PDB file of all heavy atoms in Angstrom:
ATOM      1  N   PRO A   1       0.814  -1.228  -0.001  1.00  0.00           N
ATOM      2  CA  PRO A   1       0.001   0.001   0.000  1.00  0.00           C
ATOM      3  C   PRO A   1       0.840   1.277  -0.001  1.00  0.00           C
ATOM      4  O   PRO A   1       0.377   2.326   0.436  1.00  0.00           O
ATOM      5  CB  PRO A   1      -0.773  -0.130   1.308  1.00  0.00           C
ATOM      6  CG  PRO A   1       0.223  -0.774   2.230  1.00  0.00           C
ATOM      7  CD  PRO A   1       1.016  -1.729   1.371  1.00  0.00           C
ATOM      8  N   GLN A   2       2.077   1.195  -0.483  1.00  0.00           N
ATOM      9  CA  GLN A   2       2.934   2.376  -0.504  1.00  0.00           C
ATOM     10  C   GLN A   2       2.392   3.423  -1.487  1.00  0.00           C
ATOM     11  O   GLN A   2       1.766   3.065  -2.500  1.00  0.00           O
ATOM     12  CB  GLN A   2       4.356   1.983  -0.908  1.00  0.00           C
ATOM     13  CG  GLN A   2       4.984   0.933  -0.013  1.00  0.00           C
ATOM     14  CD  GLN A   2       5.117   1.411   1.416  1.00  0.00           C
ATOM     15  OE1 GLN A   2       5.450   2.564   1.669  1.00  0.00           O
ATOM     16  NE2 GLN A   2       4.854   0.510   2.364  1.00  0.00           N
ATOM     17  N   PRO A   3       2.620   4.698  -1.229  1.00  0.00           N
ATOM     18  CA  PRO A   3       2.143   5.723  -2.164  1.00  0.00           C
ATOM     19  C   PRO A   3       2.882   5.692  -3.491  1.00  0.00           C
ATOM     20  O   PRO A   3       2.331   6.102  -4.513  1.00  0.00           O
ATOM     21  CB  PRO A   3       2.398   7.036  -1.412  1.00  0.00           C
ATOM     22  CG  PRO A   3       3.454   6.719  -0.412  1.00  0.00           C
ATOM     23  CD  PRO A   3       3.222   5.282  -0.013  1.00  0.00           C
ATOM     24  N   VAL A   4       4.145   5.246  -3.490  1.00  0.00           N
ATOM     25  CA  VAL A   4       4.907   5.065  -4.726  1.00  0.00           C
ATOM     26  C   VAL A   4       4.909   3.576  -5.042  1.00  0.00           C
ATOM     27  O   VAL A   4       5.447   2.774  -4.282  1.00  0.00           O
ATOM     28  CB  VAL A   4       6.342   5.588  -4.594  1.00  0.00           C
ATOM     29  CG1 VAL A   4       7.143   5.297  -5.851  1.00  0.00           C
ATOM     30  CG2 VAL A   4       6.335   7.089  -4.304  1.00  0.00           C
ATOM     31  N   LEU A   5       4.309   3.205  -6.147  1.00  0.00           N
ATOM     32  CA  LEU A   5       4.113   1.793  -6.470  1.00  0.00           C
ATOM     33  C   LEU A   5       5.266   1.193  -7.255  1.00  0.00           C
ATOM     34  O   LEU A   5       5.472  -0.015  -7.223  1.00  0.00           O
ATOM     35  CB  LEU A   5       2.812   1.607  -7.267  1.00  0.00           C
ATOM     36  CG  LEU A   5       1.532   2.113  -6.603  1.00  0.00           C
ATOM     37  CD1 LEU A   5       0.324   1.779  -7.483  1.00  0.00           C
ATOM     38  CD2 LEU A   5       1.358   1.513  -5.218  1.00  0.00           C
ATOM     39  N   HIS A   6       5.993   2.006  -7.994  1.00  0.00           N
ATOM     40  CA  HIS A   6       7.048   1.480  -8.849  1.00  0.00           C
ATOM     41  C   HIS A   6       8.330   1.228  -8.061  1.00  0.00           C
ATOM     42  O   HIS A   6       8.492   1.694  -6.920  1.00  0.00           O
ATOM     43  CB  HIS A   6       7.323   2.424 -10.022  1.00  0.00           C
ATOM     44  CG  HIS A   6       7.831   3.768  -9.609  1.00  0.00           C
ATOM     45  ND1 HIS A   6       9.148   3.994  -9.247  1.00  0.00           N
ATOM     46  CD2 HIS A   6       7.203   4.977  -9.498  1.00  0.00           C
ATOM     47  CE1 HIS A   6       9.313   5.265  -8.947  1.00  0.00           C
ATOM     48  NE2 HIS A   6       8.156   5.894  -9.083  1.00  0.00           N
ATOM     49  N   SER A   7       9.268   0.507  -8.698  1.00  0.00           N
ATOM     50  CA  SER A   7      10.534   0.159  -8.056  1.00  0.00           C
ATOM     51  C   SER A   7      11.725   0.788  -8.773  1.00  0.00           C
ATOM     52  O   SER A   7      12.848   0.277  -8.682  1.00  0.00           O
ATOM     53  CB  SER A   7      10.700  -1.366  -8.002  1.00  0.00           C
ATOM     54  OG  SER A   7       9.707  -1.958  -7.192  1.00  0.00           O
ATOM     55  N   ALA A   8      11.493   1.884  -9.480  1.00  0.00           N
ATOM     56  CA  ALA A   8      12.590   2.525 -10.216  1.00  0.00           C
ATOM     57  C   ALA A   8      13.735   2.917  -9.302  1.00  0.00           C
ATOM     58  O   ALA A   8      14.915   2.733  -9.639  1.00  0.00           O
ATOM     59  CB  ALA A   8      12.071   3.740 -10.981  1.00  0.00           C
ATOM     60  N   ASP A   9      13.409   3.477  -8.141  1.00  0.00           N
ATOM     61  CA  ASP A   9      14.471   3.911  -7.227  1.00  0.00           C
ATOM     62  C   ASP A   9      15.250   2.726  -6.679  1.00  0.00           C
ATOM     63  O   ASP A   9      16.470   2.808  -6.492  1.00  0.00           O
ATOM     64  CB  ASP A   9      13.873   4.725  -6.088  1.00  0.00           C
ATOM     65  CG  ASP A   9      13.303   6.053  -6.559  1.00  0.00           C
ATOM     66  OD1 ASP A   9      13.705   6.522  -7.643  1.00  0.00           O
ATOM     67  OD2 ASP A   9      12.443   6.618  -5.850  1.00  0.00           O
ATOM     68  N   LEU A  10      14.555   1.622  -6.397  1.00  0.00           N
ATOM     69  CA  LEU A  10      15.229   0.416  -5.916  1.00  0.00           C
ATOM     70  C   LEU A  10      16.187  -0.131  -6.973  1.00  0.00           C
ATOM     71  O   LEU A  10      17.316  -0.517  -6.664  1.00  0.00           O
ATOM     72  CB  LEU A  10      14.207  -0.665  -5.552  1.00  0.00           C
ATOM     73  CG  LEU A  10      13.682  -0.707  -4.122  1.00  0.00           C
ATOM     74  CD1 LEU A  10      12.671  -1.838  -3.982  1.00  0.00           C
ATOM     75  CD2 LEU A  10      14.819  -0.902  -3.128  1.00  0.00           C
ATOM     76  N   VAL A  11      15.738  -0.172  -8.206  1.00  0.00           N
ATOM     77  CA  VAL A  11      16.603  -0.660  -9.279  1.00  0.00           C
ATOM     78  C   VAL A  11      17.827   0.233  -9.416  1.00  0.00           C
ATOM     79  O   VAL A  11      18.962  -0.247  -9.538  1.00  0.00           O
ATOM     80  CB  VAL A  11      15.822  -0.737 -10.605  1.00  0.00           C
ATOM     81  CG1 VAL A  11      16.763  -1.045 -11.767  1.00  0.00           C
ATOM     82  CG2 VAL A  11      14.723  -1.797 -10.518  1.00  0.00           C
ATOM     83  N   ARG A  12      17.609   1.536  -9.354  1.00  0.00           N
ATOM     84  CA  ARG A  12      18.740   2.481  -9.473  1.00  0.00           C
ATOM     85  C   ARG A  12      19.744   2.272  -8.340  1.00  0.00           C
ATOM     86  O   ARG A  12      20.958   2.356  -8.559  1.00  0.00           O
ATOM     87  CB  ARG A  12      18.211   3.917  -9.453  1.00  0.00           C
ATOM     88  CG  ARG A  12      19.253   4.969  -9.724  1.00  0.00           C
ATOM     89  CD  ARG A  12      18.661   6.360  -9.695  1.00  0.00           C
ATOM     90  NE  ARG A  12      17.631   6.546 -10.704  1.00  0.00           N
ATOM     91  CZ  ARG A  12      16.342   6.700 -10.448  1.00  0.00           C
ATOM     92  NH1 ARG A  12      15.901   6.704  -9.205  1.00  0.00           N
ATOM     93  NH2 ARG A  12      15.480   6.865 -11.425  1.00  0.00           N
ATOM     94  N   ALA A  13      19.230   1.989  -7.149  1.00  0.00           N
ATOM     95  CA  ALA A  13      20.116   1.856  -5.994  1.00  0.00           C
ATOM     96  C   ALA A  13      20.805   0.494  -5.928  1.00  0.00           C
ATOM     97  O   ALA A  13      21.983   0.411  -5.559  1.00  0.00           O
ATOM     98  CB  ALA A  13      19.316   2.084  -4.707  1.00  0.00           C
ATOM     99  N   LEU A  14      20.078  -0.576  -6.268  1.00  0.00           N
ATOM    100  CA  LEU A  14      20.581  -1.926  -6.031  1.00  0.00           C
ATOM    101  C   LEU A  14      21.118  -2.607  -7.285  1.00  0.00           C
ATOM    102  O   LEU A  14      21.925  -3.537  -7.180  1.00  0.00           O
ATOM    103  CB  LEU A  14      19.470  -2.790  -5.423  1.00  0.00           C
ATOM    104  CG  LEU A  14      18.910  -2.289  -4.087  1.00  0.00           C
ATOM    105  CD1 LEU A  14      17.798  -3.201  -3.606  1.00  0.00           C
ATOM    106  CD2 LEU A  14      20.018  -2.198  -3.031  1.00  0.00           C
ATOM    107  N   ALA A  15      20.672  -2.180  -8.448  1.00  0.00           N
ATOM    108  CA  ALA A  15      21.169  -2.752  -9.705  1.00  0.00           C
ATOM    109  C   ALA A  15      21.460  -1.610 -10.667  1.00  0.00           C
ATOM    110  O   ALA A  15      20.834  -1.485 -11.727  1.00  0.00           O
ATOM    111  CB  ALA A  15      20.159  -3.730 -10.295  1.00  0.00           C
ATOM    112  N   PRO A  16      22.410  -0.745 -10.316  1.00  0.00           N
ATOM    113  CA  PRO A  16      22.613   0.510 -11.060  1.00  0.00           C
ATOM    114  C   PRO A  16      23.060   0.322 -12.505  1.00  0.00           C
ATOM    115  O   PRO A  16      22.945   1.254 -13.302  1.00  0.00           O
ATOM    116  CB  PRO A  16      23.685   1.231 -10.235  1.00  0.00           C
ATOM    117  CG  PRO A  16      24.398   0.152  -9.492  1.00  0.00           C
ATOM    118  CD  PRO A  16      23.352  -0.873  -9.186  1.00  0.00           C
ATOM    119  N   GLU A  17      23.565  -0.851 -12.844  1.00  0.00           N
ATOM    120  CA  GLU A  17      24.006  -1.078 -14.214  1.00  0.00           C
ATOM    121  C   GLU A  17      22.923  -1.678 -15.091  1.00  0.00           C
ATOM    122  O   GLU A  17      23.149  -1.922 -16.288  1.00  0.00           O
ATOM    123  CB  GLU A  17      25.256  -1.952 -14.215  1.00  0.00           C
ATOM    124  CG  GLU A  17      26.461  -1.291 -13.557  1.00  0.00           C
ATOM    125  CD  GLU A  17      27.710  -2.138 -13.677  1.00  0.00           C
ATOM    126  OE1 GLU A  17      27.957  -2.673 -14.770  1.00  0.00           O
ATOM    127  OE2 GLU A  17      28.424  -2.272 -12.672  1.00  0.00           O
ATOM    128  N   ALA A  18      21.744  -1.917 -14.516  1.00  0.00           N
ATOM    129  CA  ALA A  18      20.597  -2.379 -15.299  1.00  0.00           C
ATOM    130  C   ALA A  18      19.840  -1.177 -15.837  1.00  0.00           C
ATOM    131  O   ALA A  18      19.951  -0.059 -15.325  1.00  0.00           O
ATOM    132  CB  ALA A  18      19.688  -3.251 -14.445  1.00  0.00           C
ATOM    133  N   ARG A  19      19.049  -1.398 -16.880  1.00  0.00           N
ATOM    134  CA  ARG A  19      18.169  -0.367 -17.419  1.00  0.00           C
ATOM    135  C   ARG A  19      16.750  -0.652 -16.932  1.00  0.00           C
ATOM    136  O   ARG A  19      16.421  -1.781 -16.599  1.00  0.00           O
ATOM    137  CB  ARG A  19      18.229  -0.351 -18.955  1.00  0.00           C
ATOM    138  CG  ARG A  19      19.661  -0.251 -19.444  1.00  0.00           C
ATOM    139  CD  ARG A  19      19.762  -0.038 -20.946  1.00  0.00           C
ATOM    140  NE  ARG A  19      18.936  -0.911 -21.753  1.00  0.00           N
ATOM    141  CZ  ARG A  19      19.227  -2.184 -22.042  1.00  0.00           C
ATOM    142  NH1 ARG A  19      20.319  -2.748 -21.541  1.00  0.00           N
ATOM    143  NH2 ARG A  19      18.444  -2.890 -22.821  1.00  0.00           N
ATOM    144  N   TYR A  20      15.917   0.385 -16.914  1.00  0.00           N
ATOM    145  CA  TYR A  20      14.602   0.262 -16.269  1.00  0.00           C
ATOM    146  C   TYR A  20      13.488   0.687 -17.219  1.00  0.00           C
ATOM    147  O   TYR A  20      13.610   1.679 -17.957  1.00  0.00           O
ATOM    148  CB  TYR A  20      14.541   1.121 -15.001  1.00  0.00           C
ATOM    149  CG  TYR A  20      13.227   1.060 -14.272  1.00  0.00           C
ATOM    150  CD1 TYR A  20      12.970   0.064 -13.338  1.00  0.00           C
ATOM    151  CD2 TYR A  20      12.219   1.992 -14.532  1.00  0.00           C
ATOM    152  CE1 TYR A  20      11.748   0.001 -12.667  1.00  0.00           C
ATOM    153  CE2 TYR A  20      10.990   1.932 -13.864  1.00  0.00           C
ATOM    154  CZ  TYR A  20      10.770   0.938 -12.936  1.00  0.00           C
ATOM    155  OH  TYR A  20       9.557   0.876 -12.277  1.00  0.00           O
ATOM    156  N   ALA A  21      12.395  -0.055 -17.181  1.00  0.00           N
ATOM    157  CA  ALA A  21      11.154   0.304 -17.870  1.00  0.00           C
ATOM    158  C   ALA A  21       9.996  -0.099 -16.972  1.00  0.00           C
ATOM    159  O   ALA A  21      10.132  -0.949 -16.081  1.00  0.00           O
ATOM    160  CB  ALA A  21      11.049  -0.398 -19.219  1.00  0.00           C
ATOM    161  N   ARG A  22       8.860   0.518 -17.205  1.00  0.00           N
ATOM    162  CA  ARG A  22       7.651   0.221 -16.414  1.00  0.00           C
ATOM    163  C   ARG A  22       6.526  -0.108 -17.377  1.00  0.00           C
ATOM    164  O   ARG A  22       6.218   0.667 -18.296  1.00  0.00           O
ATOM    165  CB  ARG A  22       7.302   1.448 -15.572  1.00  0.00           C
ATOM    166  CG  ARG A  22       6.060   1.300 -14.685  1.00  0.00           C
ATOM    167  CD  ARG A  22       6.389   0.599 -13.428  1.00  0.00           C
ATOM    168  NE  ARG A  22       5.452   0.903 -12.349  1.00  0.00           N
ATOM    169  CZ  ARG A  22       4.953  -0.008 -11.518  1.00  0.00           C
ATOM    170  NH1 ARG A  22       5.264  -1.290 -11.655  1.00  0.00           N
ATOM    171  NH2 ARG A  22       4.158   0.348 -10.535  1.00  0.00           N
ATOM    172  N   ALA A  23       5.895  -1.267 -17.204  1.00  0.00           N
ATOM    173  CA  ALA A  23       4.775  -1.687 -18.036  1.00  0.00           C
ATOM    174  C   ALA A  23       4.079  -2.856 -17.363  1.00  0.00           C
ATOM    175  O   ALA A  23       4.611  -3.455 -16.417  1.00  0.00           O
ATOM    176  CB  ALA A  23       5.250  -2.101 -19.434  1.00  0.00           C
ATOM    177  N   PHE A  24       2.876  -3.167 -17.820  1.00  0.00           N
ATOM    178  CA  PHE A  24       2.112  -4.326 -17.378  1.00  0.00           C
ATOM    179  C   PHE A  24       1.674  -4.240 -15.913  1.00  0.00           C
ATOM    180  O   PHE A  24       1.327  -5.252 -15.310  1.00  0.00           O
ATOM    181  CB  PHE A  24       2.894  -5.633 -17.589  1.00  0.00           C
ATOM    182  CG  PHE A  24       3.289  -5.882 -19.014  1.00  0.00           C
ATOM    183  CD1 PHE A  24       4.631  -5.851 -19.375  1.00  0.00           C
ATOM    184  CD2 PHE A  24       2.344  -6.130 -19.992  1.00  0.00           C
ATOM    185  CE1 PHE A  24       5.015  -6.077 -20.702  1.00  0.00           C
ATOM    186  CE2 PHE A  24       2.715  -6.354 -21.315  1.00  0.00           C
ATOM    187  CZ  PHE A  24       4.050  -6.328 -21.665  1.00  0.00           C
ATOM    188  N   ASN A  25       1.667  -3.040 -15.358  1.00  0.00           N
ATOM    189  CA  ASN A  25       1.302  -2.905 -13.942  1.00  0.00           C
ATOM    190  C   ASN A  25      -0.087  -2.337 -13.714  1.00  0.00           C
ATOM    191  O   ASN A  25      -0.603  -2.401 -12.609  1.00  0.00           O
ATOM    192  CB  ASN A  25       2.297  -1.981 -13.237  1.00  0.00           C
ATOM    193  CG  ASN A  25       2.087  -0.523 -13.630  1.00  0.00           C
ATOM    194  OD1 ASN A  25       2.302  -0.168 -14.792  1.00  0.00           O
ATOM    195  ND2 ASN A  25       1.661   0.322 -12.697  1.00  0.00           N
ATOM    196  N   ASN A  26      -0.687  -1.731 -14.748  1.00  0.00           N
ATOM    197  CA  ASN A  26      -1.884  -0.926 -14.484  1.00  0.00           C
ATOM    198  C   ASN A  26      -3.185  -1.586 -14.923  1.00  0.00           C
ATOM    199  O   ASN A  26      -4.229  -0.939 -14.911  1.00  0.00           O
ATOM    200  CB  ASN A  26      -1.760   0.464 -15.137  1.00  0.00           C
ATOM    201  CG  ASN A  26      -1.720   0.412 -16.640  1.00  0.00           C
ATOM    202  OD1 ASN A  26      -0.793  -0.161 -17.201  1.00  0.00           O
ATOM    203  ND2 ASN A  26      -2.700   1.002 -17.304  1.00  0.00           N
ATOM    204  N   GLN A  27      -3.132  -2.854 -15.280  1.00  0.00           N
ATOM    205  CA  GLN A  27      -4.350  -3.596 -15.577  1.00  0.00           C
ATOM    206  C   GLN A  27      -4.236  -4.992 -14.983  1.00  0.00           C
ATOM    207  O   GLN A  27      -3.150  -5.439 -14.611  1.00  0.00           O
ATOM    208  CB  GLN A  27      -4.606  -3.657 -17.085  1.00  0.00           C
ATOM    209  CG  GLN A  27      -4.926  -2.305 -17.688  1.00  0.00           C
ATOM    210  CD  GLN A  27      -5.265  -2.336 -19.170  1.00  0.00           C
ATOM    211  OE1 GLN A  27      -5.376  -1.297 -19.790  1.00  0.00           O
ATOM    212  NE2 GLN A  27      -5.423  -3.512 -19.739  1.00  0.00           N
ATOM    213  N   THR A  28      -5.355  -5.685 -14.916  1.00  0.00           N
ATOM    214  CA  THR A  28      -5.370  -7.013 -14.319  1.00  0.00           C
ATOM    215  C   THR A  28      -4.908  -8.063 -15.322  1.00  0.00           C
ATOM    216  O   THR A  28      -4.922  -7.842 -16.533  1.00  0.00           O
ATOM    217  CB  THR A  28      -6.789  -7.369 -13.861  1.00  0.00           C
ATOM    218  OG1 THR A  28      -7.650  -7.476 -15.006  1.00  0.00           O
ATOM    219  CG2 THR A  28      -7.336  -6.315 -12.905  1.00  0.00           C
ATOM    220  N   TRP A  29      -4.523  -9.227 -14.797  1.00  0.00           N
ATOM    221  CA  TRP A  29      -4.035 -10.283 -15.680  1.00  0.00           C
ATOM    222  C   TRP A  29      -5.119 -10.748 -16.646  1.00  0.00           C
ATOM    223  O   TRP A  29      -4.822 -11.206 -17.759  1.00  0.00           O
ATOM    224  CB  TRP A  29      -3.504 -11.462 -14.862  1.00  0.00           C
ATOM    225  CG  TRP A  29      -4.561 -12.254 -14.131  1.00  0.00           C
ATOM    226  CD1 TRP A  29      -4.991 -12.052 -12.859  1.00  0.00           C
ATOM    227  CD2 TRP A  29      -5.281 -13.370 -14.640  1.00  0.00           C
ATOM    228  NE1 TRP A  29      -5.960 -12.968 -12.528  1.00  0.00           N
ATOM    229  CE2 TRP A  29      -6.153 -13.793 -13.606  1.00  0.00           C
ATOM    230  CE3 TRP A  29      -5.296 -14.066 -15.850  1.00  0.00           C
ATOM    231  CZ2 TRP A  29      -7.025 -14.878 -13.740  1.00  0.00           C
ATOM    232  CZ3 TRP A  29      -6.164 -15.140 -15.998  1.00  0.00           C
ATOM    233  CH2 TRP A  29      -7.011 -15.536 -14.954  1.00  0.00           C
ATOM    234  N   GLU A  30      -6.380 -10.590 -16.268  1.00  0.00           N
ATOM    235  CA  GLU A  30      -7.452 -11.005 -17.161  1.00  0.00           C
ATOM    236  C   GLU A  30      -7.447 -10.222 -18.474  1.00  0.00           C
ATOM    237  O   GLU A  30      -7.838 -10.750 -19.523  1.00  0.00           O
ATOM    238  CB  GLU A  30      -8.816 -10.833 -16.479  1.00  0.00           C
ATOM    239  CG  GLU A  30      -9.073 -11.819 -15.348  1.00  0.00           C
ATOM    240  CD  GLU A  30      -8.669 -11.285 -13.984  1.00  0.00           C
ATOM    241  OE1 GLU A  30      -7.841 -10.345 -13.926  1.00  0.00           O
ATOM    242  OE2 GLU A  30      -9.170 -11.797 -12.960  1.00  0.00           O
TER     243      GLU A  30
END
């Protein structure tokens, strides 16, 4: 229930040599 739902900051901090994109999060699997 965090106000920030994405993990961009975590990826930047913990896997800084990876690249980041956001998708497939805003609709249900159905």
